[in-house]
Protein backbone atom coordinates (compact mmCIF):
# COMPACT_ATOMS: atom_id res chain seq x y z
CA UNK A 1 115.01 82.86 115.98
CA UNK A 2 116.04 86.43 116.77
CA UNK A 3 114.60 88.69 114.04
CA UNK A 4 111.10 89.78 113.09
CA UNK A 5 109.83 91.77 110.12
CA UNK A 6 106.80 93.84 111.15
CA UNK A 7 104.79 95.12 108.20
CA UNK A 8 104.37 98.86 108.62
CA UNK A 9 103.98 100.24 105.10
CA UNK A 10 100.25 99.77 104.45
CA UNK A 11 98.06 102.72 103.55
CA UNK A 12 95.29 101.83 105.99
CA UNK A 13 92.57 102.46 103.41
CA UNK A 14 89.95 100.55 105.43
CA UNK A 15 90.42 103.06 108.25
CA UNK A 16 89.74 105.93 105.83
CA UNK A 17 90.49 109.35 107.30
CA UNK A 18 92.00 107.94 110.50
CA UNK A 19 95.31 107.22 108.80
CA UNK A 20 95.53 110.47 106.88
CA UNK A 21 98.32 111.76 109.11
CA UNK A 22 99.88 108.60 110.52
CA UNK A 23 100.55 105.00 109.45
CA UNK A 24 98.02 102.39 110.50
CA UNK A 25 100.43 100.58 112.90
CA UNK A 26 100.76 103.82 114.89
CA UNK A 27 97.06 104.29 115.68
CA UNK A 28 96.73 104.58 119.46
CA UNK A 29 95.41 101.71 121.57
CA UNK A 30 94.99 102.62 125.24
CA UNK A 31 97.65 105.34 125.07
CA UNK A 32 100.14 103.27 123.07
CA UNK A 33 100.91 102.94 119.34
CA UNK A 34 99.52 99.67 118.02
CA UNK A 35 102.89 98.44 116.75
CA UNK A 36 104.35 98.57 120.26
CA UNK A 37 102.10 95.66 121.22
CA UNK A 38 103.61 93.64 118.36
CA UNK A 39 107.10 94.48 119.64
CA UNK A 40 106.20 93.38 123.18
CA UNK A 41 104.57 90.19 121.94
CA UNK A 42 107.59 89.27 119.86
CA UNK A 43 110.10 90.15 122.57
CA UNK A 44 108.32 87.83 124.97
CA UNK A 45 108.77 85.08 122.37
CA UNK A 46 112.53 85.70 122.22
CA UNK A 47 112.83 88.15 119.31
CA UNK A 48 115.73 90.57 119.77
CA UNK A 49 115.72 92.67 116.62
CA UNK A 50 112.99 94.29 114.51
CA UNK A 51 112.78 95.31 110.87
CA UNK A 52 109.89 97.59 109.83
CA UNK A 53 109.03 98.75 106.32
CA UNK A 54 107.57 102.22 105.87
CA UNK A 55 105.72 104.16 103.20
CA UNK A 56 102.84 106.45 104.18
CA UNK A 57 103.85 109.11 106.73
CA UNK A 58 107.14 107.34 107.32
CA UNK A 59 108.48 110.21 109.43
CA UNK A 60 105.93 109.38 112.13
CA UNK A 61 107.83 106.22 113.03
CA UNK A 62 110.91 108.17 114.02
CA UNK A 63 108.73 110.56 116.01
CA UNK A 64 107.53 107.59 118.06
CA UNK A 65 110.87 105.74 118.10
CA UNK A 66 113.48 108.51 117.77
CA UNK A 67 116.43 106.30 118.66
CA UNK A 68 115.25 103.45 116.39
CA UNK A 69 114.86 101.04 119.27
CA UNK A 70 112.18 99.59 121.53
CA UNK A 71 112.79 98.30 125.04
CA UNK A 72 116.45 97.74 124.22
CA UNK A 73 115.84 96.04 120.85
CA UNK A 74 117.09 97.77 117.68
CA UNK A 75 114.61 98.67 114.95
CA UNK A 76 115.74 99.02 111.35
CA UNK A 77 113.29 101.07 109.29
CA UNK A 78 113.40 100.64 105.53
CA UNK A 79 111.37 102.95 103.34
CA UNK A 80 109.38 101.86 100.29
CA UNK A 81 108.89 104.91 98.03
CA UNK A 82 106.55 102.72 95.97
CA UNK A 83 104.51 100.10 97.79
CA UNK A 84 105.84 96.61 97.07
CA UNK A 85 103.03 94.53 98.69
CA UNK A 86 103.85 91.72 101.10
CA UNK A 87 106.13 89.60 98.91
CA UNK A 88 108.02 92.57 97.53
CA UNK A 89 108.26 94.08 100.99
CA UNK A 90 109.94 90.99 102.41
CA UNK A 91 112.30 90.81 99.44
CA UNK A 92 113.20 94.46 99.97
CA UNK A 93 114.53 93.67 103.45
CA UNK A 94 115.99 90.27 102.61
CA UNK A 95 119.51 91.43 103.37
CA UNK A 96 118.39 92.27 106.91
CA UNK A 97 116.74 88.88 107.48
CA UNK A 98 119.35 86.53 106.03
CA UNK A 99 121.13 83.98 108.16
CA UNK A 100 118.41 82.44 110.26
CA UNK A 101 114.76 81.70 110.89
CA UNK A 102 112.65 84.85 111.14
CA UNK A 103 109.07 85.91 111.87
CA UNK A 104 106.79 88.05 109.70
CA UNK A 105 104.10 89.92 111.65
CA UNK A 106 101.30 92.10 110.28
CA UNK A 107 101.41 95.59 111.75
CA UNK A 108 97.62 95.96 112.07
CA UNK A 109 96.89 93.09 114.46
CA UNK A 110 96.59 93.15 118.24
CA UNK A 111 97.10 89.80 119.93
CA UNK A 112 98.60 87.96 122.87
CA UNK A 113 98.27 84.46 121.42
CA UNK A 114 101.00 82.11 122.74
CA UNK A 115 103.76 81.96 120.14
CA UNK A 116 106.09 79.45 121.81
CA UNK A 117 104.05 76.45 120.64
CA UNK A 118 103.97 77.74 117.06
CA UNK A 119 107.73 78.29 117.07
CA UNK A 120 108.40 74.80 118.39
CA UNK A 121 106.07 73.11 115.93
CA UNK A 122 107.66 75.01 113.06
CA UNK A 123 111.13 73.84 114.11
CA UNK A 124 109.93 70.23 114.23
CA UNK A 125 107.97 70.35 110.97
CA UNK A 126 110.72 70.87 108.43
CA UNK A 127 108.43 73.32 106.57
CA UNK A 128 109.87 76.33 104.79
CA UNK A 129 107.06 78.55 106.12
CA UNK A 130 104.52 77.98 108.89
CA UNK A 131 101.36 80.11 109.13
CA UNK A 132 99.92 80.77 112.58
CA UNK A 133 96.17 80.09 112.36
CA UNK A 134 93.03 80.24 114.49
CA UNK A 135 89.82 78.21 114.40
CA UNK A 136 87.56 81.23 114.28
CA UNK A 137 87.67 84.65 112.70
CA UNK A 138 86.16 86.78 109.95
CA UNK A 139 88.15 85.21 107.08
CA UNK A 140 88.32 81.40 107.28
CA UNK A 141 90.34 80.97 104.09
CA UNK A 142 93.09 78.47 105.00
CA UNK A 143 92.61 74.74 104.38
CA UNK A 144 94.86 72.68 106.66
CA UNK A 145 95.56 68.99 107.12
CA UNK A 146 95.94 68.98 110.89
CA UNK A 147 97.53 65.52 110.93
CA UNK A 148 100.43 66.47 108.67
CA UNK A 149 100.48 70.19 109.46
CA UNK A 150 100.42 71.02 105.74
CA UNK A 151 98.36 73.82 104.24
CA UNK A 152 96.28 72.33 101.40
CA UNK A 153 94.83 75.43 99.78
CA UNK A 154 94.00 79.11 100.23
CA UNK A 155 90.49 80.16 99.20
CA UNK A 156 90.41 77.15 96.86
CA UNK A 157 92.85 78.93 94.55
CA UNK A 158 94.46 75.59 93.68
CA UNK A 159 91.09 74.05 92.81
CA UNK A 160 91.29 71.41 95.55
CA UNK A 161 87.71 72.02 96.63
CA UNK A 162 88.88 73.33 100.00
CA UNK A 163 87.59 76.85 100.61
CA UNK A 164 89.25 76.88 104.01
CA UNK A 165 88.24 76.67 107.64
CA UNK A 166 90.99 78.51 109.51
CA UNK A 167 91.79 82.19 110.04
CA UNK A 168 95.28 83.36 109.10
CA UNK A 169 96.49 85.56 111.96
CA UNK A 170 98.99 87.59 109.97
CA UNK A 171 101.94 85.90 111.71
CA UNK A 172 104.22 83.43 109.96
CA UNK A 173 107.57 81.81 110.62
CA UNK A 174 110.06 81.52 107.76
CA UNK A 175 113.28 79.71 107.08
CA UNK A 176 115.92 81.79 105.27
CA UNK A 177 115.40 79.70 102.12
CA UNK A 178 111.99 81.35 101.75
CA UNK A 179 113.75 84.52 100.63
CA UNK A 180 114.90 82.79 97.43
CA UNK A 181 111.27 82.02 96.53
CA UNK A 182 110.38 85.71 96.23
CA UNK A 183 110.49 87.76 93.04
CA UNK A 184 113.52 89.95 93.46
CA UNK A 185 112.95 93.65 92.92
CA UNK A 186 109.27 93.24 91.98
CA UNK A 187 106.02 94.33 93.54
CA UNK A 188 104.08 91.18 94.41
CA UNK A 189 101.85 89.55 97.00
CA UNK A 190 103.09 86.71 99.16
CA UNK A 191 99.96 84.60 98.47
CA UNK A 192 101.07 83.28 95.05
CA UNK A 193 104.40 82.38 96.65
CA UNK A 194 102.56 80.44 99.35
CA UNK A 195 100.58 78.61 96.67
CA UNK A 196 103.81 77.66 94.94
CA UNK A 197 105.08 76.19 98.21
CA UNK A 198 101.94 74.05 98.46
CA UNK A 199 102.45 72.80 94.92
CA UNK A 200 106.10 72.10 95.64
CA UNK A 201 105.63 69.16 97.96
CA UNK A 202 103.72 70.76 100.80
CA UNK A 203 106.40 73.13 102.05
CA UNK A 204 103.80 75.50 103.53
CA UNK A 205 102.70 74.50 107.00
CA UNK A 206 100.17 75.72 109.50
CA UNK A 207 99.72 75.55 113.25
CA UNK A 208 96.43 76.34 114.99
CA UNK A 209 96.80 78.49 118.11
CA UNK A 210 93.44 79.27 119.71
CA UNK A 211 94.73 80.57 123.04
CA UNK A 212 94.76 84.24 123.92
CA UNK A 213 93.09 87.12 122.12
CA UNK A 214 93.36 88.22 118.50
CA UNK A 215 91.96 91.24 116.68
CA UNK A 216 92.55 92.60 113.19
CA UNK A 217 92.40 96.37 113.65
CA UNK A 218 92.34 97.13 109.95
CA UNK A 219 88.85 98.66 110.07
CA UNK A 220 87.25 101.16 112.44
CA UNK A 221 84.66 98.68 113.76
CA UNK A 222 87.22 96.18 115.06
CA UNK A 223 89.43 99.03 116.26
CA UNK A 224 86.67 100.26 118.56
CA UNK A 225 85.47 96.73 119.40
CA UNK A 226 88.95 95.81 120.62
CA UNK A 227 88.90 98.68 123.11
CA UNK A 228 85.49 97.59 124.34
CA UNK A 229 86.67 94.00 124.68
CA UNK A 230 89.94 94.90 126.40
CA UNK A 231 88.04 97.00 128.93
CA UNK A 232 86.58 93.78 130.33
CA UNK A 233 89.26 91.29 129.28
CA UNK A 234 92.27 89.94 131.10
CA UNK A 235 95.02 90.96 128.72
CA UNK A 236 98.03 90.50 131.01
CA UNK A 237 100.84 89.97 128.55
CA UNK A 238 101.43 93.69 128.25
CA UNK A 239 101.10 94.56 131.93
CA UNK A 240 104.84 94.74 132.51
CA UNK A 241 107.04 97.29 134.19
CA UNK A 242 108.45 99.86 131.84
CA UNK A 243 105.21 100.37 129.92
CA UNK A 244 103.61 103.35 131.63
CA UNK A 245 99.98 104.10 131.02
CA UNK A 246 98.95 100.73 129.67
CA UNK A 247 95.21 100.16 129.82
CA UNK A 248 94.56 103.62 131.23
CA UNK A 249 91.29 104.78 129.72
CA UNK A 250 91.96 108.47 130.31
CA UNK A 251 95.47 109.86 130.13
CA UNK A 252 96.63 111.79 133.19
CA UNK A 253 97.07 114.93 131.09
CA UNK A 254 93.57 114.79 129.58
CA UNK A 255 91.22 117.59 130.63
CA UNK A 256 87.86 115.92 131.30
CA UNK A 257 85.05 117.96 132.83
CA UNK A 258 83.67 116.61 136.09
CA UNK A 259 80.21 116.70 134.54
CA UNK A 260 81.22 114.65 131.49
CA UNK A 261 80.36 110.97 131.17
CA UNK A 262 82.99 108.58 129.75
CA UNK A 263 81.88 104.95 129.71
CA UNK A 264 83.96 101.77 129.80
CA UNK A 265 85.57 101.11 126.47
CA UNK A 266 86.01 104.79 125.69
CA UNK A 267 89.53 106.15 125.73
CA UNK A 268 90.78 109.75 126.06
CA UNK A 269 94.36 110.49 125.05
CA UNK A 270 97.08 112.82 126.25
CA UNK A 271 96.17 116.50 126.22
CA UNK A 272 92.66 115.80 124.96
CA UNK A 273 89.70 117.82 126.21
CA UNK A 274 86.17 116.68 127.03
CA UNK A 275 83.78 119.55 127.78
CA UNK A 276 81.00 119.98 130.31
CA UNK A 277 78.09 117.58 130.02
CA UNK A 278 79.64 115.64 127.15
CA UNK A 279 78.80 111.93 126.87
CA UNK A 280 81.15 109.36 125.36
CA UNK A 281 80.02 105.81 124.59
CA UNK A 282 82.52 103.47 122.98
CA UNK A 283 84.36 106.54 121.72
CA UNK A 284 88.09 107.11 121.24
CA UNK A 285 89.56 110.59 121.58
CA UNK A 286 93.15 110.70 120.37
CA UNK A 287 95.83 112.85 121.97
CA UNK A 288 95.07 116.52 121.36
CA UNK A 289 91.48 115.83 120.28
CA UNK A 290 88.57 117.77 121.72
CA UNK A 291 84.94 117.01 122.54
CA UNK A 292 82.80 120.13 122.86
CA UNK A 293 80.54 120.81 125.81
CA UNK A 294 77.24 118.97 125.55
CA UNK A 295 78.40 116.69 122.72
CA UNK A 296 77.02 113.16 122.66
CA UNK A 297 79.30 110.71 120.85
CA UNK A 298 78.48 107.04 120.27
CA UNK A 299 81.20 104.80 118.76
CA UNK A 300 83.07 107.78 117.32
CA UNK A 301 86.78 108.43 116.83
CA UNK A 302 88.08 111.97 117.36
CA UNK A 303 91.50 112.45 115.77
CA UNK A 304 94.29 114.63 117.10
CA UNK A 305 93.63 118.32 116.54
CA UNK A 306 89.94 117.81 115.71
CA UNK A 307 86.86 119.03 117.58
CA UNK A 308 83.68 116.95 117.85
CA UNK A 309 80.40 118.70 118.61
CA UNK A 310 76.71 117.79 118.58
CA UNK A 311 75.19 114.31 118.54
CA UNK A 312 77.22 111.90 116.44
CA UNK A 313 77.18 108.13 115.94
CA UNK A 314 79.80 105.94 114.24
CA UNK A 315 81.69 108.93 112.87
CA UNK A 316 85.38 109.65 112.32
CA UNK A 317 86.10 113.26 113.20
């Protein structure tokens, strides 16, 4: 298993104005683009090559990865002029994934869950696709027979009476035959395809992996909450040489007044400015953002090139 398809084409509508000028997988997390954590996670599991689909602000990917590689692994970017959804997106890169088992990984998650067990159980299961699941989370929609490892239903869409009790993590392992199940050249979701696999003799499997951390950063609340959690969480998988600046709350080039207060969980990016007497609580200031003197920000996000002033709570600036 050497290839992974990381979904990078979403519009990030739940993040509203935050993704106006960059794709959701490139939002900064402790001085790093979110998608780089996915690349690290997958490389540690043995993945050697990445495929990423693009749509909104596609040029930003090449700004972050100008040589189309990450830590020695090649990245192939494929643009979607018209969004194809998950099923159509996989079909659109089928030629890049053919020939072996591959991983699909949502570009808006942040996790260090152990993947080795999931990979091994997939190999032993004989399933066409195996979903990586967790026992808790905000969307417990997957019904699983843990004895057989077969997914029984998704949100009771098959009328089995099973609403679900497991969280889908956004990671799944696929055999190359899965590519033939997709609608070629059509925009479509992968969920109906999964339901067809359930109907077709239980070819959709699931493995529950509750170790490690997992966050869906698709909305601003979990985006900030993850920073707050990481501030006090052992998140060692990414503490490796060659990744400068990881878990640094304030970038070395940030200009932060000595009289400013920046609490744990807040993060100030490269070239950002925080003025005299400013107070930041659970607030993220992206690279090039500015917080005016005397500003008091609580759970706010200041985008690059923007200035935040006054007393603000739970605002995107």
